[in-house]
C-alpha atoms as a PDB file:
ATOM      1  CA  MET A   1     250.594 231.129 100.622  1.00  0.00           C
ATOM      2  CA  ILE A   2     254.282 232.165 100.786  1.00  0.00           C
ATOM      3  CA  SER A   3     254.722 230.581 104.186  1.00  0.00           C
ATOM      4  CA  ALA A   4     253.242 227.260 102.888  1.00  0.00           C
ATOM      5  CA  PHE A   5     255.536 227.354  99.809  1.00  0.00           C
ATOM      6  CA  ILE A   6     258.497 227.846 102.029  1.00  0.00           C
ATOM      7  CA  ALA A   7     257.384 225.135 104.333  1.00  0.00           C
ATOM      8  CA  PHE A   8     256.934 222.435 101.744  1.00  0.00           C
ATOM      9  CA  PHE A   9     260.137 223.623  99.834  1.00  0.00           C
ATOM     10  CA  ARG A  10     262.015 223.135 103.132  1.00  0.00           C
ATOM     11  CA  LEU A  11     260.441 219.814 103.632  1.00  0.00           C
ATOM     12  CA  GLY A  12     261.401 218.597 100.206  1.00  0.00           C
ATOM     13  CA  MET A  13     264.948 219.604 100.776  1.00  0.00           C
ATOM     14  CA  GLU A  14     264.981 217.978 104.191  1.00  0.00           C
ATOM     15  CA  HIS A  15     263.535 214.881 102.715  1.00  0.00           C
ATOM     16  CA  ILE A  16     266.269 214.344 100.022  1.00  0.00           C
ATOM     17  CA  LEU A  17     269.172 215.453 102.539  1.00  0.00           C
ATOM     18  CA  THR A  18     267.981 213.058 105.261  1.00  0.00           C
ATOM     19  CA  GLY A  19     267.108 210.306 102.901  1.00  0.00           C
ATOM     20  CA  TYR A  20     270.295 208.298 102.934  1.00  0.00           C
ATOM     21  CA  ASP A  21     269.039 205.771 100.450  1.00  0.00           C
ATOM     22  CA  HIS A  22     268.161 208.598  98.015  1.00  0.00           C
ATOM     23  CA  LEU A  23     271.609 210.357  98.447  1.00  0.00           C
ATOM     24  CA  LEU A  24     273.445 207.127  97.943  1.00  0.00           C
ATOM     25  CA  PHE A  25     271.585 206.420  94.769  1.00  0.00           C
ATOM     26  CA  LEU A  26     272.402 209.897  93.539  1.00  0.00           C
ATOM     27  CA  PHE A  27     275.928 209.479  94.435  1.00  0.00           C
ATOM     28  CA  SER A  28     276.094 206.081  92.657  1.00  0.00           C
ATOM     29  CA  LEU A  29     274.513 207.766  89.535  1.00  0.00           C
ATOM     30  CA  LEU A  30     277.106 210.507  89.411  1.00  0.00           C
ATOM     31  CA  ILE A  31     280.270 208.814  90.428  1.00  0.00           C
ATOM     32  CA  ALA A  32     280.677 206.925  87.064  1.00  0.00           C
ATOM     33  CA  ARG A  33     282.674 208.880  84.416  1.00  0.00           C
ATOM     34  CA  GLN A  34     280.340 211.037  82.456  1.00  0.00           C
ATOM     35  CA  THR A  35     280.153 214.240  80.544  1.00  0.00           C
ATOM     36  CA  ILE A  36     278.288 217.397  81.609  1.00  0.00           C
ATOM     37  CA  LYS A  37     275.562 216.563  79.042  1.00  0.00           C
ATOM     38  CA  GLN A  38     275.268 213.042  80.360  1.00  0.00           C
ATOM     39  CA  TYR A  39     274.926 214.221  84.036  1.00  0.00           C
ATOM     40  CA  ALA A  40     272.345 216.723  83.032  1.00  0.00           C
ATOM     41  CA  THR A  41     270.445 214.018  81.028  1.00  0.00           C
ATOM     42  CA  VAL A  42     270.561 211.538  84.011  1.00  0.00           C
ATOM     43  CA  ILE A  43     269.575 214.161  86.492  1.00  0.00           C
ATOM     44  CA  THR A  44     266.683 215.438  84.262  1.00  0.00           C
ATOM     45  CA  ALA A  45     265.402 211.887  83.652  1.00  0.00           C
ATOM     46  CA  PHE A  46     265.299 211.130  87.394  1.00  0.00           C
ATOM     47  CA  THR A  47     263.653 214.654  88.076  1.00  0.00           C
ATOM     48  CA  ILE A  48     260.893 214.066  85.460  1.00  0.00           C
ATOM     49  CA  ALA A  49     260.224 210.367  86.614  1.00  0.00           C
ATOM     50  CA  HIS A  50     260.107 211.051  90.401  1.00  0.00           C
ATOM     51  CA  CYS A  51     257.977 214.154  90.012  1.00  0.00           C
ATOM     52  CA  LEU A  52     255.444 212.083  87.884  1.00  0.00           C
ATOM     53  CA  THR A  53     255.052 209.286  90.369  1.00  0.00           C
ATOM     54  CA  LEU A  54     255.302 211.519  93.413  1.00  0.00           C
ATOM     55  CA  THR A  55     252.259 213.557  92.172  1.00  0.00           C
ATOM     56  CA  LEU A  56     250.270 210.544  90.904  1.00  0.00           C
ATOM     57  CA  THR A  57     250.756 208.780  94.220  1.00  0.00           C
ATOM     58  CA  VAL A  58     249.913 211.789  96.462  1.00  0.00           C
ATOM     59  CA  LEU A  59     246.779 212.361  94.302  1.00  0.00           C
ATOM     60  CA  ASP A  60     245.886 208.519  94.788  1.00  0.00           C
ATOM     61  CA  ILE A  61     245.938 207.821  91.035  1.00  0.00           C
ATOM     62  CA  ILE A  62     248.596 205.166  91.768  1.00  0.00           C
ATOM     63  CA  ASN A  63     249.042 203.248  94.801  1.00  0.00           C
ATOM     64  CA  VAL A  64     252.050 200.823  95.113  1.00  0.00           C
ATOM     65  CA  PRO A  65     252.732 199.404  98.542  1.00  0.00           C
ATOM     66  CA  SER A  66     255.825 200.584 100.380  1.00  0.00           C
ATOM     67  CA  SER A  67     256.558 196.994 100.920  1.00  0.00           C
ATOM     68  CA  PHE A  68     257.380 196.847  97.165  1.00  0.00           C
ATOM     69  CA  VAL A  69     258.752 200.530  96.790  1.00  0.00           C
ATOM     70  CA  GLU A  70     261.182 200.488  99.757  1.00  0.00           C
ATOM     71  CA  PRO A  71     263.062 197.302  98.727  1.00  0.00           C
ATOM     72  CA  ALA A  72     262.998 198.460  95.058  1.00  0.00           C
ATOM     73  CA  ILE A  73     264.789 201.690  96.022  1.00  0.00           C
ATOM     74  CA  ALA A  74     267.531 199.732  97.848  1.00  0.00           C
ATOM     75  CA  LEU A  75     267.773 197.360  94.822  1.00  0.00           C
ATOM     76  CA  SER A  76     268.111 200.543  92.413  1.00  0.00           C
ATOM     77  CA  ILE A  77     271.217 201.384  94.426  1.00  0.00           C
ATOM     78  CA  CYS A  78     272.690 197.974  94.091  1.00  0.00           C
ATOM     79  CA  TYR A  79     271.937 197.907  90.324  1.00  0.00           C
ATOM     80  CA  VAL A  80     273.623 201.208  89.612  1.00  0.00           C
ATOM     81  CA  ALA A  81     276.613 200.331  91.753  1.00  0.00           C
ATOM     82  CA  ILE A  82     277.133 197.131  90.093  1.00  0.00           C
ATOM     83  CA  GLU A  83     276.686 198.810  86.668  1.00  0.00           C
ATOM     84  CA  ASN A  84     279.412 201.249  87.795  1.00  0.00           C
ATOM     85  CA  MET A  85     281.797 198.357  88.382  1.00  0.00           C
ATOM     86  CA  PHE A  86     281.216 196.438  85.209  1.00  0.00           C
ATOM     87  CA  ARG A  87     280.238 198.842  82.588  1.00  0.00           C
ATOM     88  CA  ARG A  88     282.544 201.706  81.552  1.00  0.00           C
ATOM     89  CA  ASP A  89     280.114 203.174  79.058  1.00  0.00           C
ATOM     90  CA  VAL A  90     277.165 204.646  80.900  1.00  0.00           C
ATOM     91  CA  LYS A  91     276.089 207.093  78.178  1.00  0.00           C
ATOM     92  CA  ASN A  92     272.497 205.626  78.040  1.00  0.00           C
ATOM     93  CA  ARG A  93     272.046 205.606  81.794  1.00  0.00           C
ATOM     94  CA  TRP A  94     269.312 208.128  81.718  1.00  0.00           C
ATOM     95  CA  MET A  95     266.874 205.263  80.584  1.00  0.00           C
ATOM     96  CA  ILE A  96     267.423 203.131  83.650  1.00  0.00           C
ATOM     97  CA  THR A  97     267.579 206.267  85.835  1.00  0.00           C
ATOM     98  CA  PHE A  98     264.102 207.300  84.551  1.00  0.00           C
ATOM     99  CA  VAL A  99     262.738 203.814  85.580  1.00  0.00           C
ATOM    100  CA  PHE A 100     264.292 203.929  88.964  1.00  0.00           C
ATOM    101  CA  GLY A 101     263.159 207.585  89.412  1.00  0.00           C
ATOM    102  CA  LEU A 102     259.630 206.359  88.964  1.00  0.00           C
ATOM    103  CA  ILE A 103     260.135 204.071  91.990  1.00  0.00           C
ATOM    104  CA  HIS A 104     261.970 206.821  94.069  1.00  0.00           C
ATOM    105  CA  GLY A 105     259.135 209.142  93.332  1.00  0.00           C
ATOM    106  CA  MET A 106     256.674 206.782  95.222  1.00  0.00           C
ATOM    107  CA  GLY A 107     259.108 206.678  98.100  1.00  0.00           C
ATOM    108  CA  PHE A 108     259.241 210.572  98.226  1.00  0.00           C
ATOM    109  CA  ALA A 109     255.481 210.639  98.233  1.00  0.00           C
ATOM    110  CA  ASP A 110     254.963 208.626 101.374  1.00  0.00           C
ATOM    111  CA  LEU A 111     255.812 211.699 103.490  1.00  0.00           C
ATOM    112  CA  LEU A 112     253.194 213.836 101.878  1.00  0.00           C
ATOM    113  CA  LYS A 113     250.463 211.101 101.821  1.00  0.00           C
ATOM    114  CA  GLY A 114     250.863 210.699 105.606  1.00  0.00           C
ATOM    115  CA  MET A 115     250.173 214.475 106.120  1.00  0.00           C
ATOM    116  CA  ASP A 116     246.511 214.393 104.936  1.00  0.00           C
ATOM    117  CA  LEU A 117     246.837 217.663 103.041  1.00  0.00           C
ATOM    118  CA  PRO A 118     243.929 219.801 102.175  1.00  0.00           C
ATOM    119  CA  LYS A 119     242.688 219.238  98.607  1.00  0.00           C
ATOM    120  CA  ASN A 120     242.523 222.909  97.706  1.00  0.00           C
ATOM    121  CA  ALA A 121     246.321 223.448  98.049  1.00  0.00           C
ATOM    122  CA  LEU A 122     247.510 219.931  97.169  1.00  0.00           C
ATOM    123  CA  GLY A 123     249.025 220.915  93.725  1.00  0.00           C
ATOM    124  CA  PHE A 124     250.778 223.903  95.211  1.00  0.00           C
ATOM    125  CA  ASN A 125     252.101 221.864  98.063  1.00  0.00           C
ATOM    126  CA  ILE A 126     253.294 219.061  95.760  1.00  0.00           C
ATOM    127  CA  PHE A 127     255.010 221.636  93.496  1.00  0.00           C
ATOM    128  CA  SER A 128     256.922 223.441  96.137  1.00  0.00           C
ATOM    129  CA  PHE A 129     258.005 219.972  97.811  1.00  0.00           C
ATOM    130  CA  ASN A 130     259.254 218.947  94.360  1.00  0.00           C
ATOM    131  CA  LEU A 131     261.141 222.253  94.097  1.00  0.00           C
ATOM    132  CA  GLY A 132     262.770 221.564  97.359  1.00  0.00           C
ATOM    133  CA  ILE A 133     263.912 218.146  96.363  1.00  0.00           C
ATOM    134  CA  GLU A 134     265.286 219.537  93.065  1.00  0.00           C
ATOM    135  CA  ALA A 135     267.154 222.424  94.864  1.00  0.00           C
ATOM    136  CA  ALA A 136     268.736 219.934  97.175  1.00  0.00           C
ATOM    137  CA  GLN A 137     269.748 217.725  94.293  1.00  0.00           C
ATOM    138  CA  ILE A 138     271.171 220.481  92.339  1.00  0.00           C
ATOM    139  CA  GLY A 139     273.057 221.640  95.432  1.00  0.00           C
ATOM    140  CA  ILE A 140     274.662 218.211  95.766  1.00  0.00           C
ATOM    141  CA  LEU A 141     275.346 218.176  92.134  1.00  0.00           C
ATOM    142  CA  VAL A 142     277.168 221.577  92.282  1.00  0.00           C
ATOM    143  CA  VAL A 143     279.297 220.405  95.287  1.00  0.00           C
ATOM    144  CA  LEU A 144     280.077 217.022  93.757  1.00  0.00           C
ATOM    145  CA  LEU A 145     280.825 218.057  90.124  1.00  0.00           C
ATOM    146  CA  PRO A 146     284.281 219.596  90.685  1.00  0.00           C
ATOM    147  CA  LEU A 147     285.223 216.451  92.792  1.00  0.00           C
ATOM    148  CA  LEU A 148     283.931 214.169  90.119  1.00  0.00           C
ATOM    149  CA  PHE A 149     285.735 215.864  87.310  1.00  0.00           C
ATOM    150  CA  PHE A 150     289.017 215.962  89.576  1.00  0.00           C
ATOM    151  CA  ALA A 151     288.637 212.178  90.354  1.00  0.00           C
ATOM    152  CA  GLN A 152     288.144 211.394  86.723  1.00  0.00           C
ATOM    153  CA  LYS A 153     291.562 212.855  85.796  1.00  0.00           C
ATOM    154  CA  TRP A 154     293.268 211.041  88.610  1.00  0.00           C
ATOM    155  CA  LYS A 155     295.244 207.912  87.546  1.00  0.00           C
ATOM    156  CA  TYR A 156     293.285 205.803  90.262  1.00  0.00           C
ATOM    157  CA  SER A 157     289.845 207.045  89.131  1.00  0.00           C
ATOM    158  CA  VAL A 158     288.725 203.469  88.162  1.00  0.00           C
ATOM    159  CA  ARG A 159     289.668 202.188  91.518  1.00  0.00           C
ATOM    160  CA  VAL A 160     287.850 204.959  93.395  1.00  0.00           C
ATOM    161  CA  VAL A 161     284.640 204.334  91.276  1.00  0.00           C
ATOM    162  CA  ASN A 162     284.993 200.588  92.094  1.00  0.00           C
ATOM    163  CA  ILE A 163     285.484 200.955  95.722  1.00  0.00           C
ATOM    164  CA  CYS A 164     282.746 203.597  96.118  1.00  0.00           C
ATOM    165  CA  SER A 165     280.395 201.432  94.102  1.00  0.00           C
ATOM    166  CA  ALA A 166     281.240 198.367  96.117  1.00  0.00           C
ATOM    167  CA  ILE A 167     280.448 200.273  99.395  1.00  0.00           C
ATOM    168  CA  ALA A 168     277.156 201.568  97.807  1.00  0.00           C
ATOM    169  CA  CYS A 169     276.279 197.976  96.799  1.00  0.00           C
ATOM    170  CA  VAL A 170     276.878 196.655 100.275  1.00  0.00           C
ATOM    171  CA  LEU A 171     274.815 199.342 101.747  1.00  0.00           C
ATOM    172  CA  GLY A 172     272.108 198.883  99.325  1.00  0.00           C
ATOM    173  CA  GLY A 173     272.214 195.174  99.815  1.00  0.00           C
ATOM    174  CA  VAL A 174     271.859 195.701 103.670  1.00  0.00           C
ATOM    175  CA  TRP A 175     268.942 197.981 103.176  1.00  0.00           C
ATOM    176  CA  LEU A 176     267.333 195.647 100.605  1.00  0.00           C
ATOM    177  CA  THR A 177     267.595 192.758 103.234  1.00  0.00           C
ATOM    178  CA  GLU A 178     266.187 194.953 105.967  1.00  0.00           C
ATOM    179  CA  ARG A 179     263.250 196.154 103.867  1.00  0.00           C
ATOM    180  CA  ILE A 180     262.421 192.585 102.616  1.00  0.00           C
ATOM    181  CA  PHE A 181     262.606 191.005 106.202  1.00  0.00           C
END
């Protein structure tokens, strides 16, 4: 049981750390100037949403085709990046993050759905996989927060946010195009 927990925990961590689209979405969410409370609210909204749809998708309660989910994930990156460039006040970002988190959760679920997991351990495996995703996201946040706070105090912070967001938007747009066609 412990070895299964560790295996699915690691799988969750690997999934987020090798999911460049999810990492870019997370980065795009965090780069905008926010308070600690806003960062915590955004991350919590994303966590609750993706855990919900990941679980519902793996349990076959919902089934949205990846031909919709994958382009929507790319579109979420573009949306947040554009919002970074044109909105200075993102204090209510948690709401759109929750909606996009629902979509990202379905993307996370694809890996587990393809594994044909035994029903008697499904809940436990989903739980440990989700914990792995969360551990990786928190690790990323811990690494980025000092850099983000330093960048916010820098006189070129608006330019940095705009340049990083423009790059994120272009990459999201490329992925969107690839996933549609």
